[in-house]
Every structure is written in C-alpha cells, then in structure tokens.
N, C-alpha and C. Protein backbone atom coordinates (compact mmCIF):
# COMPACT_ATOMS: atom_id res chain seq x y z
N UNK A 1 126.69 96.97 106.97
CA UNK A 1 126.33 97.94 107.97
C UNK A 1 125.94 97.23 109.26
N UNK A 2 126.36 97.80 110.40
CA UNK A 2 126.09 97.22 111.71
C UNK A 2 124.89 97.92 112.33
N UNK A 3 123.90 97.14 112.75
CA UNK A 3 122.73 97.73 113.40
C UNK A 3 122.96 97.81 114.91
N UNK A 4 122.18 98.63 115.57
CA UNK A 4 122.28 98.76 117.02
C UNK A 4 121.93 97.44 117.72
N UNK A 5 121.04 96.66 117.12
CA UNK A 5 120.68 95.38 117.70
C UNK A 5 121.87 94.42 117.67
N UNK A 6 122.67 94.47 116.59
CA UNK A 6 123.87 93.64 116.52
C UNK A 6 124.85 94.00 117.63
N UNK A 7 125.03 95.30 117.85
CA UNK A 7 125.95 95.76 118.89
C UNK A 7 125.45 95.35 120.26
N UNK A 8 124.14 95.41 120.48
CA UNK A 8 123.53 95.08 121.76
C UNK A 8 123.84 93.65 122.18
N UNK A 9 123.92 92.73 121.22
CA UNK A 9 124.15 91.33 121.53
C UNK A 9 125.60 90.88 121.34
N UNK A 10 126.47 91.78 120.92
CA UNK A 10 127.89 91.43 120.78
C UNK A 10 128.52 91.28 122.16
N UNK A 11 129.55 90.50 122.22
CA UNK A 11 130.24 90.27 123.48
C UNK A 11 131.06 91.50 123.85
N UNK A 12 130.81 92.05 125.03
CA UNK A 12 131.55 93.19 125.53
C UNK A 12 132.91 92.74 126.06
N UNK A 13 132.90 91.75 126.93
CA UNK A 13 134.15 91.17 127.40
C UNK A 13 133.89 89.75 127.87
N UNK A 14 134.94 88.98 127.90
CA UNK A 14 134.82 87.63 128.43
C UNK A 14 135.75 87.51 129.62
N UNK A 15 135.40 86.64 130.51
CA UNK A 15 136.12 86.51 131.76
C UNK A 15 136.37 85.04 132.03
N UNK A 16 137.55 84.76 132.55
CA UNK A 16 137.88 83.40 132.95
C UNK A 16 138.05 83.38 134.46
N UNK A 17 137.40 82.46 135.11
CA UNK A 17 137.47 82.35 136.57
C UNK A 17 138.76 81.71 137.03
N UNK A 18 138.71 81.10 138.19
CA UNK A 18 139.89 80.47 138.76
C UNK A 18 140.32 79.22 138.01
N UNK A 19 139.40 78.60 137.31
CA UNK A 19 139.76 77.44 136.50
C UNK A 19 139.38 77.72 135.04
N UNK A 20 140.11 77.14 134.11
CA UNK A 20 139.84 77.41 132.69
C UNK A 20 138.43 77.02 132.24
N UNK A 21 137.79 76.07 132.91
CA UNK A 21 136.44 75.69 132.49
C UNK A 21 135.37 76.64 133.04
N UNK A 22 135.75 77.60 133.88
CA UNK A 22 134.80 78.62 134.35
C UNK A 22 135.01 79.86 133.50
N UNK A 23 134.17 80.00 132.48
CA UNK A 23 134.29 81.07 131.49
C UNK A 23 132.96 81.77 131.36
N UNK A 24 133.00 83.09 131.24
CA UNK A 24 131.76 83.86 131.14
C UNK A 24 131.94 84.95 130.10
N UNK A 25 130.96 85.10 129.22
CA UNK A 25 130.96 86.18 128.23
C UNK A 25 129.78 87.09 128.55
N UNK A 26 130.04 88.38 128.57
CA UNK A 26 129.01 89.36 128.93
C UNK A 26 128.77 90.27 127.74
N UNK A 27 127.51 90.40 127.34
CA UNK A 27 127.15 91.26 126.21
C UNK A 27 126.78 92.65 126.73
N UNK A 28 126.68 93.61 125.82
CA UNK A 28 126.25 94.95 126.19
C UNK A 28 124.85 94.92 126.81
N UNK A 29 123.99 94.09 126.26
CA UNK A 29 122.63 93.97 126.79
C UNK A 29 122.62 93.45 128.22
N UNK A 30 123.43 92.44 128.50
CA UNK A 30 123.53 91.90 129.85
C UNK A 30 124.12 92.94 130.80
N UNK A 31 125.12 93.67 130.32
CA UNK A 31 125.74 94.72 131.12
C UNK A 31 124.70 95.76 131.51
N UNK A 32 123.93 96.22 130.54
CA UNK A 32 122.90 97.22 130.81
C UNK A 32 121.89 96.71 131.83
N UNK A 33 121.45 95.48 131.68
CA UNK A 33 120.49 94.91 132.62
C UNK A 33 121.04 94.83 134.03
N UNK A 34 122.28 94.40 134.18
CA UNK A 34 122.89 94.29 135.51
C UNK A 34 123.12 95.65 136.14
N UNK A 35 123.54 96.63 135.33
CA UNK A 35 123.77 97.98 135.85
C UNK A 35 122.45 98.60 136.32
N UNK A 36 121.39 98.44 135.54
CA UNK A 36 120.08 98.97 135.94
C UNK A 36 119.60 98.29 137.22
N UNK A 37 119.79 97.00 137.31
CA UNK A 37 119.38 96.24 138.50
C UNK A 37 120.14 96.72 139.73
N UNK A 38 121.44 96.91 139.58
CA UNK A 38 122.27 97.37 140.69
C UNK A 38 121.93 98.81 141.08
N UNK A 39 121.69 99.67 140.11
CA UNK A 39 121.36 101.06 140.44
C UNK A 39 120.00 101.14 141.13
N UNK A 40 119.05 100.30 140.74
CA UNK A 40 117.76 100.27 141.44
C UNK A 40 117.92 99.81 142.88
N UNK A 41 118.78 98.83 143.10
CA UNK A 41 119.04 98.35 144.46
C UNK A 41 119.67 99.46 145.30
N UNK A 42 120.65 100.15 144.73
CA UNK A 42 121.29 101.25 145.46
C UNK A 42 120.28 102.34 145.79
N UNK A 43 119.40 102.67 144.84
CA UNK A 43 118.38 103.69 145.09
C UNK A 43 117.42 103.25 146.18
N UNK A 44 117.05 101.97 146.21
CA UNK A 44 116.17 101.46 147.26
C UNK A 44 116.84 101.55 148.63
N UNK A 45 118.17 101.47 148.63
CA UNK A 45 118.92 101.60 149.89
C UNK A 45 119.10 103.06 150.30
N UNK A 46 118.67 103.98 149.45
CA UNK A 46 118.75 105.39 149.80
C UNK A 46 119.90 106.15 149.18
N UNK A 47 120.65 105.54 148.31
CA UNK A 47 121.76 106.24 147.65
C UNK A 47 121.17 107.19 146.61
N UNK A 48 121.62 108.46 146.67
CA UNK A 48 121.11 109.49 145.76
C UNK A 48 122.28 110.20 145.08
N UNK A 49 121.95 111.05 144.14
CA UNK A 49 122.94 111.84 143.43
C UNK A 49 123.75 112.66 144.43
N UNK A 50 125.06 112.61 144.29
CA UNK A 50 125.96 113.35 145.17
C UNK A 50 126.42 112.57 146.39
N UNK A 51 125.78 111.43 146.70
CA UNK A 51 126.23 110.61 147.82
C UNK A 51 127.59 109.99 147.51
N UNK A 52 128.29 109.60 148.56
CA UNK A 52 129.58 108.93 148.40
C UNK A 52 129.42 107.45 148.70
N UNK A 53 129.96 106.62 147.82
CA UNK A 53 129.85 105.16 147.96
C UNK A 53 131.25 104.56 147.86
N UNK A 54 131.62 103.76 148.85
CA UNK A 54 132.88 103.02 148.80
C UNK A 54 132.55 101.58 148.41
N UNK A 55 133.23 101.07 147.41
CA UNK A 55 132.96 99.72 146.90
C UNK A 55 134.12 98.81 147.32
N UNK A 56 133.78 97.77 148.03
CA UNK A 56 134.76 96.82 148.55
C UNK A 56 134.45 95.45 147.97
N UNK A 57 134.94 95.19 146.76
CA UNK A 57 134.68 93.94 146.05
C UNK A 57 135.96 93.46 145.38
N UNK A 58 136.08 92.15 145.19
CA UNK A 58 137.21 91.65 144.39
C UNK A 58 136.99 91.97 142.91
N UNK A 59 137.93 91.63 142.08
CA UNK A 59 137.84 91.91 140.64
C UNK A 59 136.90 90.90 139.97
N UNK A 60 135.61 91.16 140.11
CA UNK A 60 134.57 90.33 139.52
C UNK A 60 133.64 91.25 138.72
N UNK A 61 132.81 90.71 137.85
CA UNK A 61 131.93 91.57 137.06
C UNK A 61 131.03 92.49 137.90
N UNK A 62 130.66 92.06 139.09
CA UNK A 62 129.80 92.88 139.94
C UNK A 62 130.48 94.19 140.33
N UNK A 63 131.81 94.22 140.36
CA UNK A 63 132.53 95.47 140.62
C UNK A 63 132.24 96.47 139.51
N UNK A 64 132.29 96.02 138.27
CA UNK A 64 132.01 96.89 137.13
C UNK A 64 130.55 97.35 137.16
N UNK A 65 129.63 96.43 137.45
CA UNK A 65 128.22 96.79 137.52
C UNK A 65 127.98 97.87 138.57
N UNK A 66 128.61 97.72 139.73
CA UNK A 66 128.42 98.67 140.82
C UNK A 66 129.01 100.03 140.49
N UNK A 67 130.19 100.04 139.88
CA UNK A 67 130.80 101.32 139.49
C UNK A 67 129.90 102.05 138.50
N UNK A 68 129.43 101.36 137.49
CA UNK A 68 128.57 101.98 136.48
C UNK A 68 127.22 102.37 137.06
N UNK A 69 126.71 101.60 138.02
CA UNK A 69 125.44 101.94 138.66
C UNK A 69 125.58 103.24 139.46
N UNK A 70 126.69 103.40 140.16
CA UNK A 70 126.92 104.64 140.90
C UNK A 70 127.00 105.82 139.94
N UNK A 71 127.67 105.64 138.82
CA UNK A 71 127.76 106.69 137.81
C UNK A 71 126.38 107.01 137.25
N UNK A 72 125.59 106.00 137.03
CA UNK A 72 124.24 106.19 136.49
C UNK A 72 123.37 107.01 137.44
N UNK A 73 123.52 106.76 138.74
CA UNK A 73 122.76 107.50 139.75
C UNK A 73 123.31 108.91 139.92
N UNK A 74 124.62 109.05 139.78
CA UNK A 74 125.27 110.33 140.04
C UNK A 74 125.96 110.34 141.39
N UNK A 75 126.14 109.16 141.97
CA UNK A 75 126.84 109.03 143.25
C UNK A 75 128.34 108.93 142.99
N UNK A 76 129.11 109.58 143.84
CA UNK A 76 130.57 109.51 143.73
C UNK A 76 131.01 108.18 144.33
N UNK A 77 131.83 107.43 143.61
CA UNK A 77 132.26 106.14 144.12
C UNK A 77 133.77 106.06 144.17
N UNK A 78 134.25 105.25 145.10
CA UNK A 78 135.67 104.95 145.14
C UNK A 78 135.83 103.46 145.40
N UNK A 79 136.85 102.90 144.81
CA UNK A 79 137.10 101.47 144.93
C UNK A 79 138.11 101.25 146.05
N UNK A 80 137.78 100.38 146.97
CA UNK A 80 138.68 100.05 148.07
C UNK A 80 139.32 98.72 147.74
N UNK A 81 140.64 98.69 147.70
CA UNK A 81 141.35 97.44 147.41
C UNK A 81 141.15 96.42 148.51
N UNK A 82 141.15 95.17 148.16
CA UNK A 82 140.90 94.12 149.14
C UNK A 82 142.04 93.96 150.14
N UNK A 83 143.17 94.59 149.87
CA UNK A 83 144.27 94.49 150.83
C UNK A 83 144.07 95.44 152.00
N UNK A 84 143.18 96.42 151.85
CA UNK A 84 142.89 97.36 152.92
C UNK A 84 141.90 96.73 153.89
N UNK A 85 142.17 96.86 155.15
CA UNK A 85 141.26 96.30 156.15
C UNK A 85 139.97 97.10 156.16
N UNK A 86 138.85 96.42 156.12
CA UNK A 86 137.57 97.10 156.11
C UNK A 86 137.33 97.84 157.42
N UNK A 87 137.98 97.42 158.50
CA UNK A 87 137.82 98.09 159.79
C UNK A 87 138.40 99.50 159.77
N UNK A 88 139.27 99.80 158.82
CA UNK A 88 139.88 101.12 158.75
C UNK A 88 139.01 102.14 158.01
N UNK A 89 137.93 101.69 157.38
CA UNK A 89 137.06 102.60 156.64
C UNK A 89 136.25 103.44 157.60
N UNK A 90 136.10 104.73 157.31
CA UNK A 90 135.27 105.57 158.19
C UNK A 90 133.80 105.19 158.06
N UNK A 91 133.08 105.25 159.14
CA UNK A 91 131.67 104.87 159.14
C UNK A 91 130.77 106.03 159.55
N UNK A 92 131.31 107.19 159.72
CA UNK A 92 130.51 108.35 160.16
C UNK A 92 129.79 109.02 159.03
N UNK A 93 129.04 110.06 159.35
CA UNK A 93 128.39 110.87 158.36
C UNK A 93 127.15 110.24 157.75
N UNK A 94 126.55 109.27 158.41
CA UNK A 94 125.32 108.68 157.89
C UNK A 94 125.54 107.84 156.63
N UNK A 95 126.75 107.35 156.43
CA UNK A 95 127.04 106.56 155.24
C UNK A 95 126.60 105.13 155.38
N UNK A 96 126.72 104.40 154.30
CA UNK A 96 126.36 102.99 154.29
C UNK A 96 127.63 102.16 154.39
N UNK A 97 127.59 101.11 155.12
CA UNK A 97 128.69 100.15 155.13
C UNK A 97 128.05 98.77 155.01
N UNK A 98 128.25 98.16 153.86
CA UNK A 98 127.64 96.86 153.59
C UNK A 98 128.74 95.82 153.56
N UNK A 99 128.77 94.92 154.53
CA UNK A 99 129.83 93.90 154.53
C UNK A 99 129.63 92.89 153.42
C-alpha cells in the first residue's frame, strides 16, 4: 500500500538543462512549496481572484509554478510565447507588466 507521504516525496518530473550534466528532479512536495511561494508573491503584488495575468517565461520549471500559482489564486492566466515581442503586449487597464 502507498501512503500519502510516499507520494509526497516521489519524483513528479525530471528535467534536463542545456547540458546533460544539468539535471533536476522535482517532487510533489517541492512543487507544492514553489507554487505556494509564487502565489504568495503574486498576492503581495496585488493579483487577486479574477485578475488577468500574462506569463512571459521560457520552458523552465518556474513557468509551471507560475501557472499553478495563478490557478491557486483564481487569476486567469495566459502563456505568451517567447517568439512574440513583449512590446506588442497591451499595458492598459491597470495590469502588471513584469519584465
């Protein structure tokens, strides 16, 4: 039988960076900690339920943390591909733009 503690420390996914010796394994526990940390940061910045957040990040674990943090808060998020120029993003409506 598998306990919840076993699942908490199991590897959720592993990631390989630009070189094979740069390897990272992330557990469910680490994921939860990072998502909570990111959602607290977003809340401190004034992001609330129903707000719109555009995420402009490369394919790194922080992208996943930020998406899940927005979901945790209840903010609507959209991912902006890195090929899109950041200058083309709208900045009106009292939104946040974090370079």
